[in-house]
Amino acid sequence: MLIQNIISYDDFLNYTKNYKHIFINISANWCKPCNEIKPLIEKFVSVINENNAIYLKLNHSVYEEDDLFNSFFQMKKIPYFGYIKDGVLIYSFISGDFSFVSKKIFNTISSIKSEINNEIYNKTNNETNNETNIETNNETNIETNKLDTTSNF
């Protein structure tokens, strides 16, 4: 999964427009739990093969520069983690526990992959049904034409 730093609220908005699934971590250099979990989580997400998602890092000092961040996240403590889908904050939590955070991310990624697989299955199934309906309609037309032809005699 791609990992990017957010440098402004506009930068954040661009990511929400370009990615359906976003994981975000808000942390600070002075925060000991943040500094302990940050490299572990970044290593964890870097090996996840999911092109439909991105992991964003937001430094607390950048967060404090723009009130729009607070309006969106309403963060009270750090290390803060959140999941955004289609530009909407779905869940957020505060934790410095690598096991907890990695399981939450893993479970969400599993749900994303399942959702994508269902979309592919439904699209394929709909295309197959449409092709079957066309074939059935063509066969019905052929049978109808045969009946019409025989009724002329």
N, C-alpha and C. Protein backbone atom coordinates (compact mmCIF):
# COMPACT_ATOMS: atom_id res chain seq x y z
N MET A 1 0.86 -1.17 0.00
CA MET A 1 0.00 0.00 0.00
C MET A 1 0.91 1.23 0.00
N LEU A 2 0.51 2.20 -0.78
CA LEU A 2 1.26 3.44 -0.88
C LEU A 2 1.16 4.22 0.44
N ILE A 3 2.28 4.81 0.86
CA ILE A 3 2.34 5.62 2.08
C ILE A 3 2.73 7.04 1.69
N GLN A 4 1.94 8.02 2.14
CA GLN A 4 2.21 9.41 1.79
C GLN A 4 2.06 10.33 3.00
N ASN A 5 2.83 11.41 3.01
CA ASN A 5 2.71 12.46 4.02
C ASN A 5 1.71 13.51 3.53
N ILE A 6 0.91 14.00 4.44
CA ILE A 6 -0.02 15.09 4.12
C ILE A 6 0.66 16.39 4.54
N ILE A 7 0.64 17.36 3.63
CA ILE A 7 1.31 18.63 3.93
C ILE A 7 0.32 19.78 4.14
N SER A 8 -0.96 19.55 3.80
CA SER A 8 -1.98 20.60 3.98
C SER A 8 -3.37 19.97 3.90
N TYR A 9 -4.38 20.73 4.27
CA TYR A 9 -5.74 20.23 4.17
C TYR A 9 -6.13 20.01 2.71
N ASP A 10 -5.69 20.91 1.83
CA ASP A 10 -5.97 20.73 0.40
C ASP A 10 -5.34 19.44 -0.13
N ASP A 11 -4.14 19.16 0.33
CA ASP A 11 -3.46 17.92 -0.02
C ASP A 11 -4.30 16.72 0.43
N PHE A 12 -4.80 16.78 1.65
CA PHE A 12 -5.67 15.73 2.19
C PHE A 12 -6.93 15.56 1.32
N LEU A 13 -7.56 16.67 0.95
CA LEU A 13 -8.77 16.60 0.11
C LEU A 13 -8.48 15.95 -1.24
N ASN A 14 -7.32 16.24 -1.80
CA ASN A 14 -6.95 15.60 -3.07
C ASN A 14 -6.88 14.08 -2.93
N TYR A 15 -6.33 13.62 -1.83
CA TYR A 15 -6.27 12.17 -1.60
C TYR A 15 -7.68 11.59 -1.45
N THR A 16 -8.57 12.31 -0.76
CA THR A 16 -9.93 11.78 -0.58
C THR A 16 -10.68 11.72 -1.91
N LYS A 17 -10.31 12.57 -2.86
CA LYS A 17 -10.95 12.53 -4.18
C LYS A 17 -10.38 11.42 -5.05
N ASN A 18 -9.12 11.06 -4.82
CA ASN A 18 -8.44 10.09 -5.68
C ASN A 18 -8.41 8.66 -5.15
N TYR A 19 -8.73 8.48 -3.87
CA TYR A 19 -8.70 7.14 -3.28
C TYR A 19 -10.01 6.85 -2.56
N LYS A 20 -10.56 5.69 -2.84
CA LYS A 20 -11.81 5.28 -2.19
C LYS A 20 -11.55 4.89 -0.74
N HIS A 21 -10.41 4.27 -0.46
CA HIS A 21 -10.09 3.77 0.87
C HIS A 21 -8.80 4.43 1.37
N ILE A 22 -8.92 5.09 2.53
CA ILE A 22 -7.78 5.79 3.11
C ILE A 22 -7.63 5.41 4.58
N PHE A 23 -6.41 5.05 4.93
CA PHE A 23 -6.05 4.87 6.35
C PHE A 23 -5.19 6.07 6.70
N ILE A 24 -5.42 6.63 7.87
CA ILE A 24 -4.66 7.81 8.27
C ILE A 24 -4.13 7.65 9.68
N ASN A 25 -2.94 8.15 9.88
CA ASN A 25 -2.33 8.20 11.20
C ASN A 25 -1.94 9.64 11.48
N ILE A 26 -2.41 10.16 12.61
CA ILE A 26 -2.00 11.49 13.05
C ILE A 26 -1.12 11.29 14.28
N SER A 27 0.09 11.81 14.21
CA SER A 27 1.04 11.63 15.30
C SER A 27 1.94 12.85 15.41
N ALA A 28 2.76 12.86 16.46
CA ALA A 28 3.68 13.98 16.68
C ALA A 28 5.07 13.45 17.02
N ASN A 29 6.06 14.24 16.69
CA ASN A 29 7.45 13.84 16.98
C ASN A 29 7.71 13.74 18.47
N TRP A 30 7.02 14.54 19.28
CA TRP A 30 7.23 14.56 20.73
C TRP A 30 6.45 13.45 21.46
N CYS A 31 5.63 12.69 20.74
CA CYS A 31 4.77 11.66 21.34
C CYS A 31 5.49 10.30 21.34
N LYS A 32 5.83 9.81 22.53
CA LYS A 32 6.55 8.55 22.63
C LYS A 32 5.76 7.37 22.05
N PRO A 33 4.47 7.17 22.40
CA PRO A 33 3.72 6.05 21.79
C PRO A 33 3.63 6.17 20.26
N CYS A 34 3.53 7.40 19.76
CA CYS A 34 3.49 7.61 18.31
C CYS A 34 4.79 7.14 17.66
N ASN A 35 5.91 7.53 18.26
CA ASN A 35 7.22 7.17 17.72
C ASN A 35 7.50 5.68 17.81
N GLU A 36 6.92 5.01 18.80
CA GLU A 36 7.11 3.57 18.93
C GLU A 36 6.30 2.79 17.90
N ILE A 37 5.07 3.22 17.63
CA ILE A 37 4.21 2.45 16.73
C ILE A 37 4.40 2.82 15.26
N LYS A 38 4.78 4.06 14.99
CA LYS A 38 4.87 4.55 13.62
C LYS A 38 5.71 3.67 12.69
N PRO A 39 6.95 3.32 13.03
CA PRO A 39 7.73 2.49 12.10
C PRO A 39 7.16 1.08 11.93
N LEU A 40 6.56 0.54 12.99
CA LEU A 40 5.98 -0.80 12.89
C LEU A 40 4.77 -0.81 11.95
N ILE A 41 3.89 0.16 12.10
CA ILE A 41 2.69 0.23 11.26
C ILE A 41 3.08 0.53 9.82
N GLU A 42 4.03 1.43 9.62
CA GLU A 42 4.45 1.75 8.26
C GLU A 42 5.06 0.54 7.57
N LYS A 43 5.85 -0.23 8.28
CA LYS A 43 6.41 -1.46 7.69
C LYS A 43 5.28 -2.44 7.38
N PHE A 44 4.32 -2.55 8.29
CA PHE A 44 3.18 -3.46 8.10
C PHE A 44 2.37 -3.08 6.84
N VAL A 45 2.00 -1.80 6.72
CA VAL A 45 1.17 -1.41 5.57
C VAL A 45 1.95 -1.39 4.26
N SER A 46 3.26 -1.23 4.33
CA SER A 46 4.06 -1.18 3.11
C SER A 46 4.06 -2.52 2.36
N VAL A 47 3.81 -3.60 3.06
CA VAL A 47 3.81 -4.91 2.40
C VAL A 47 2.40 -5.38 2.01
N ILE A 48 1.40 -4.59 2.32
CA ILE A 48 0.03 -4.93 1.94
C ILE A 48 -0.16 -4.57 0.47
N ASN A 49 -0.58 -5.56 -0.31
CA ASN A 49 -0.79 -5.36 -1.73
C ASN A 49 -2.25 -4.95 -1.98
N GLU A 50 -2.51 -3.67 -1.89
CA GLU A 50 -3.86 -3.16 -2.11
C GLU A 50 -3.76 -1.81 -2.79
N ASN A 51 -4.01 -1.81 -4.10
CA ASN A 51 -3.88 -0.58 -4.89
C ASN A 51 -5.06 0.36 -4.71
N ASN A 52 -6.16 -0.11 -4.15
CA ASN A 52 -7.34 0.71 -3.96
C ASN A 52 -7.31 1.49 -2.65
N ALA A 53 -6.22 1.37 -1.91
CA ALA A 53 -6.13 2.03 -0.60
C ALA A 53 -4.79 2.76 -0.50
N ILE A 54 -4.77 3.74 0.40
CA ILE A 54 -3.55 4.51 0.66
C ILE A 54 -3.45 4.74 2.17
N TYR A 55 -2.23 4.83 2.66
CA TYR A 55 -1.96 5.11 4.06
C TYR A 55 -1.36 6.51 4.14
N LEU A 56 -2.06 7.41 4.84
CA LEU A 56 -1.61 8.79 4.95
C LEU A 56 -1.07 9.07 6.35
N LYS A 57 -0.01 9.86 6.39
CA LYS A 57 0.58 10.29 7.66
C LYS A 57 0.39 11.79 7.78
N LEU A 58 -0.13 12.19 8.92
CA LEU A 58 -0.36 13.60 9.18
C LEU A 58 0.32 13.98 10.48
N ASN A 59 1.25 14.90 10.40
CA ASN A 59 1.95 15.36 11.60
C ASN A 59 1.02 16.28 12.38
N HIS A 60 1.05 16.14 13.69
CA HIS A 60 0.19 16.92 14.57
C HIS A 60 0.36 18.43 14.34
N SER A 61 1.56 18.88 14.04
CA SER A 61 1.79 20.32 13.82
C SER A 61 1.05 20.80 12.56
N VAL A 62 1.01 19.98 11.52
CA VAL A 62 0.25 20.32 10.30
C VAL A 62 -1.24 20.31 10.62
N TYR A 63 -1.67 19.33 11.40
CA TYR A 63 -3.07 19.23 11.83
C TYR A 63 -3.52 20.52 12.53
N GLU A 64 -2.68 21.02 13.42
CA GLU A 64 -3.04 22.21 14.19
C GLU A 64 -3.04 23.49 13.37
N GLU A 65 -2.39 23.49 12.20
CA GLU A 65 -2.33 24.68 11.35
C GLU A 65 -3.65 25.00 10.67
N ASP A 66 -4.54 24.01 10.55
CA ASP A 66 -5.79 24.23 9.82
C ASP A 66 -6.97 23.65 10.59
N ASP A 67 -7.91 24.51 10.96
CA ASP A 67 -9.09 24.08 11.72
C ASP A 67 -9.96 23.10 10.95
N LEU A 68 -9.83 23.06 9.64
CA LEU A 68 -10.62 22.11 8.84
C LEU A 68 -10.27 20.66 9.18
N PHE A 69 -9.01 20.42 9.56
CA PHE A 69 -8.63 19.07 10.00
C PHE A 69 -9.46 18.69 11.23
N ASN A 70 -9.52 19.60 12.20
CA ASN A 70 -10.27 19.31 13.43
C ASN A 70 -11.75 19.12 13.14
N SER A 71 -12.30 19.89 12.20
CA SER A 71 -13.70 19.72 11.82
C SER A 71 -13.95 18.33 11.25
N PHE A 72 -12.99 17.83 10.50
CA PHE A 72 -13.15 16.51 9.88
C PHE A 72 -12.91 15.39 10.88
N PHE A 73 -11.82 15.44 11.62
CA PHE A 73 -11.42 14.34 12.49
C PHE A 73 -11.90 14.45 13.93
N GLN A 74 -12.02 15.65 14.44
CA GLN A 74 -12.38 15.88 15.84
C GLN A 74 -11.50 15.06 16.78
N MET A 75 -10.22 15.09 16.52
CA MET A 75 -9.24 14.33 17.26
C MET A 75 -8.96 14.98 18.62
N LYS A 76 -8.86 14.18 19.64
CA LYS A 76 -8.57 14.67 20.99
C LYS A 76 -7.19 14.22 21.49
N LYS A 77 -6.77 13.03 21.07
CA LYS A 77 -5.49 12.46 21.53
C LYS A 77 -4.77 11.79 20.37
N ILE A 78 -3.50 11.50 20.60
CA ILE A 78 -2.69 10.76 19.63
C ILE A 78 -1.96 9.63 20.34
N PRO A 79 -1.53 8.61 19.62
CA PRO A 79 -1.60 8.38 18.18
C PRO A 79 -3.04 8.05 17.73
N TYR A 80 -3.45 8.77 16.70
CA TYR A 80 -4.80 8.68 16.17
C TYR A 80 -4.76 7.91 14.85
N PHE A 81 -5.70 6.99 14.69
CA PHE A 81 -5.83 6.24 13.45
C PHE A 81 -7.26 6.35 12.97
N GLY A 82 -7.43 6.42 11.67
CA GLY A 82 -8.77 6.50 11.11
C GLY A 82 -8.85 5.79 9.78
N TYR A 83 -10.07 5.43 9.42
CA TYR A 83 -10.35 4.83 8.12
C TYR A 83 -11.42 5.68 7.43
N ILE A 84 -11.12 6.10 6.20
CA ILE A 84 -12.00 6.95 5.42
C ILE A 84 -12.39 6.18 4.16
N LYS A 85 -13.69 6.13 3.89
CA LYS A 85 -14.18 5.48 2.68
C LYS A 85 -15.05 6.48 1.93
N ASP A 86 -14.74 6.67 0.67
CA ASP A 86 -15.48 7.62 -0.17
C ASP A 86 -15.57 9.00 0.47
N GLY A 87 -14.48 9.43 1.11
CA GLY A 87 -14.43 10.76 1.71
C GLY A 87 -15.13 10.91 3.04
N VAL A 88 -15.61 9.80 3.61
CA VAL A 88 -16.33 9.83 4.89
C VAL A 88 -15.53 9.06 5.93
N LEU A 89 -15.34 9.67 7.09
CA LEU A 89 -14.64 9.00 8.18
C LEU A 89 -15.54 7.89 8.71
N ILE A 90 -15.14 6.65 8.54
CA ILE A 90 -15.93 5.49 8.93
C ILE A 90 -15.67 5.13 10.39
N TYR A 91 -14.40 5.09 10.78
CA TYR A 91 -14.07 4.84 12.18
C TYR A 91 -12.74 5.50 12.51
N SER A 92 -12.54 5.71 13.80
CA SER A 92 -11.26 6.23 14.29
C SER A 92 -11.04 5.70 15.69
N PHE A 93 -9.78 5.69 16.09
CA PHE A 93 -9.43 5.23 17.43
C PHE A 93 -8.06 5.76 17.81
N ILE A 94 -7.79 5.72 19.09
CA ILE A 94 -6.50 6.13 19.63
C ILE A 94 -5.83 4.87 20.16
N SER A 95 -4.62 4.60 19.69
CA SER A 95 -3.92 3.42 20.20
C SER A 95 -2.44 3.48 19.85
N GLY A 96 -1.63 2.98 20.78
CA GLY A 96 -0.21 2.79 20.56
C GLY A 96 0.12 1.30 20.54
N ASP A 97 -0.92 0.47 20.49
CA ASP A 97 -0.76 -0.99 20.52
C ASP A 97 -0.70 -1.53 19.09
N PHE A 98 0.50 -1.95 18.68
CA PHE A 98 0.69 -2.43 17.31
C PHE A 98 -0.24 -3.59 16.96
N SER A 99 -0.42 -4.52 17.87
CA SER A 99 -1.28 -5.68 17.60
C SER A 99 -2.71 -5.23 17.29
N PHE A 100 -3.23 -4.32 18.11
CA PHE A 100 -4.59 -3.83 17.92
C PHE A 100 -4.73 -3.09 16.58
N VAL A 101 -3.81 -2.16 16.32
CA VAL A 101 -3.88 -1.34 15.11
C VAL A 101 -3.72 -2.20 13.86
N SER A 102 -2.74 -3.09 13.86
CA SER A 102 -2.51 -3.92 12.67
C SER A 102 -3.69 -4.85 12.40
N LYS A 103 -4.32 -5.38 13.44
CA LYS A 103 -5.51 -6.24 13.25
C LYS A 103 -6.66 -5.42 12.66
N LYS A 104 -6.83 -4.21 13.15
CA LYS A 104 -7.91 -3.34 12.65
C LYS A 104 -7.69 -3.03 11.17
N ILE A 105 -6.47 -2.70 10.80
CA ILE A 105 -6.15 -2.42 9.39
C ILE A 105 -6.32 -3.69 8.56
N PHE A 106 -5.80 -4.81 9.05
CA PHE A 106 -5.90 -6.07 8.31
C PHE A 106 -7.37 -6.45 8.08
N ASN A 107 -8.19 -6.34 9.10
CA ASN A 107 -9.62 -6.68 8.95
C ASN A 107 -10.31 -5.76 7.96
N THR A 108 -9.95 -4.51 7.98
CA THR A 108 -10.55 -3.57 7.03
C THR A 108 -10.10 -3.87 5.61
N ILE A 109 -8.82 -4.17 5.42
CA ILE A 109 -8.31 -4.54 4.10
C ILE A 109 -9.01 -5.80 3.61
N SER A 110 -9.22 -6.77 4.49
CA SER A 110 -9.95 -7.99 4.11
C SER A 110 -11.35 -7.67 3.63
N SER A 111 -12.02 -6.75 4.32
CA SER A 111 -13.36 -6.32 3.91
C SER A 111 -13.33 -5.62 2.55
N ILE A 112 -12.31 -4.80 2.34
CA ILE A 112 -12.16 -4.11 1.05
C ILE A 112 -12.00 -5.12 -0.07
N LYS A 113 -11.11 -6.09 0.13
CA LYS A 113 -10.87 -7.12 -0.89
C LYS A 113 -12.15 -7.91 -1.16
N SER A 114 -12.89 -8.24 -0.11
CA SER A 114 -14.15 -8.96 -0.27
C SER A 114 -15.16 -8.11 -1.05
N GLU A 115 -15.22 -6.84 -0.74
CA GLU A 115 -16.12 -5.92 -1.45
C GLU A 115 -15.76 -5.85 -2.93
N ILE A 116 -14.47 -5.75 -3.22
CA ILE A 116 -14.00 -5.68 -4.61
C ILE A 116 -14.33 -6.99 -5.33
N ASN A 117 -14.09 -8.12 -4.68
CA ASN A 117 -14.41 -9.41 -5.29
C ASN A 117 -15.90 -9.54 -5.57
N ASN A 118 -16.74 -9.06 -4.65
CA ASN A 118 -18.19 -9.09 -4.87
C ASN A 118 -18.59 -8.21 -6.05
N GLU A 119 -17.97 -7.04 -6.16
CA GLU A 119 -18.26 -6.15 -7.28
C GLU A 119 -17.88 -6.81 -8.61
N ILE A 120 -16.72 -7.46 -8.64
CA ILE A 120 -16.28 -8.16 -9.85
C ILE A 120 -17.23 -9.31 -10.17
N TYR A 121 -17.60 -10.08 -9.15
CA TYR A 121 -18.52 -11.20 -9.35
C TYR A 121 -19.86 -10.71 -9.89
N ASN A 122 -20.41 -9.66 -9.26
CA ASN A 122 -21.71 -9.14 -9.69
C ASN A 122 -21.65 -8.60 -11.12
N LYS A 123 -20.56 -7.90 -11.44
CA LYS A 123 -20.42 -7.37 -12.79
C LYS A 123 -20.33 -8.50 -13.80
N THR A 124 -19.51 -9.51 -13.50
CA THR A 124 -19.36 -10.66 -14.39
C THR A 124 -20.68 -11.41 -14.51
N ASN A 125 -21.36 -11.60 -13.40
CA ASN A 125 -22.62 -12.32 -13.39
C ASN A 125 -23.67 -11.56 -14.21
N ASN A 126 -23.72 -10.25 -14.07
CA ASN A 126 -24.67 -9.43 -14.84
C ASN A 126 -24.37 -9.51 -16.33
N GLU A 127 -23.09 -9.47 -16.69
CA GLU A 127 -22.72 -9.57 -18.10
C GLU A 127 -23.10 -10.93 -18.66
N THR A 128 -22.88 -11.99 -17.88
CA THR A 128 -23.24 -13.34 -18.30
C THR A 128 -24.75 -13.45 -18.46
N ASN A 129 -25.50 -12.90 -17.50
CA ASN A 129 -26.97 -12.92 -17.60
C ASN A 129 -27.45 -12.14 -18.81
N ASN A 130 -26.84 -11.03 -19.10
CA ASN A 130 -27.22 -10.24 -20.28
C ASN A 130 -26.97 -11.02 -21.56
N GLU A 131 -25.81 -11.70 -21.63
CA GLU A 131 -25.49 -12.52 -22.80
C GLU A 131 -26.48 -13.67 -22.93
N THR A 132 -26.84 -14.29 -21.81
CA THR A 132 -27.80 -15.39 -21.81
C THR A 132 -29.16 -14.89 -22.27
N ASN A 133 -29.57 -13.73 -21.80
CA ASN A 133 -30.85 -13.16 -22.21
C ASN A 133 -30.86 -12.85 -23.70
N ILE A 134 -29.77 -12.36 -24.24
CA ILE A 134 -29.68 -12.07 -25.67
C ILE A 134 -29.80 -13.37 -26.46
N GLU A 135 -29.06 -14.41 -26.02
CA GLU A 135 -29.13 -15.70 -26.69
C GLU A 135 -30.53 -16.28 -26.62
N THR A 136 -31.16 -16.19 -25.47
CA THR A 136 -32.52 -16.71 -25.29
C THR A 136 -33.48 -15.94 -26.18
N ASN A 137 -33.35 -14.63 -26.24
CA ASN A 137 -34.21 -13.82 -27.09
C ASN A 137 -34.02 -14.18 -28.56
N ASN A 138 -32.77 -14.39 -28.96
CA ASN A 138 -32.50 -14.77 -30.35
C ASN A 138 -33.11 -16.12 -30.66
N GLU A 139 -32.98 -17.08 -29.73
CA GLU A 139 -33.57 -18.40 -29.94
C GLU A 139 -35.09 -18.31 -30.00
N THR A 140 -35.70 -17.50 -29.17
CA THR A 140 -37.15 -17.30 -29.17
C THR A 140 -37.59 -16.69 -30.49
N ASN A 141 -36.83 -15.72 -30.99
CA ASN A 141 -37.16 -15.10 -32.27
C ASN A 141 -37.07 -16.10 -33.41
N ILE A 142 -36.04 -16.96 -33.37
CA ILE A 142 -35.89 -17.99 -34.41
C ILE A 142 -37.08 -18.94 -34.36
N GLU A 143 -37.47 -19.41 -33.16
CA GLU A 143 -38.62 -20.31 -33.02
C GLU A 143 -39.90 -19.62 -33.48
N THR A 144 -40.07 -18.38 -33.15
CA THR A 144 -41.26 -17.63 -33.56
C THR A 144 -41.30 -17.52 -35.08
N ASN A 145 -40.14 -17.24 -35.67
CA ASN A 145 -40.08 -17.15 -37.13
C ASN A 145 -40.41 -18.48 -37.78
N LYS A 146 -39.97 -19.59 -37.19
CA LYS A 146 -40.30 -20.91 -37.72
C LYS A 146 -41.81 -21.12 -37.67
N LEU A 147 -42.44 -20.76 -36.56
CA LEU A 147 -43.88 -20.91 -36.43
C LEU A 147 -44.60 -20.04 -37.44
N ASP A 148 -44.12 -18.83 -37.61
CA ASP A 148 -44.76 -17.92 -38.56
C ASP A 148 -44.66 -18.47 -39.97
N THR A 149 -43.51 -19.06 -40.29
CA THR A 149 -43.29 -19.58 -41.61
C THR A 149 -44.22 -20.77 -41.89
N THR A 150 -44.36 -21.63 -40.89
CA THR A 150 -45.21 -22.82 -41.09
C THR A 150 -46.69 -22.44 -41.13
N SER A 151 -47.06 -21.37 -40.48
CA SER A 151 -48.47 -20.98 -40.47
C SER A 151 -48.91 -20.41 -41.82
N ASN A 152 -47.96 -20.01 -42.65
CA ASN A 152 -48.31 -19.49 -43.97
C ASN A 152 -48.71 -20.59 -44.94
N PHE A 153 -48.44 -21.82 -44.65
CA PHE A 153 -48.75 -22.91 -45.57
C PHE A 153 -50.08 -23.45 -45.38
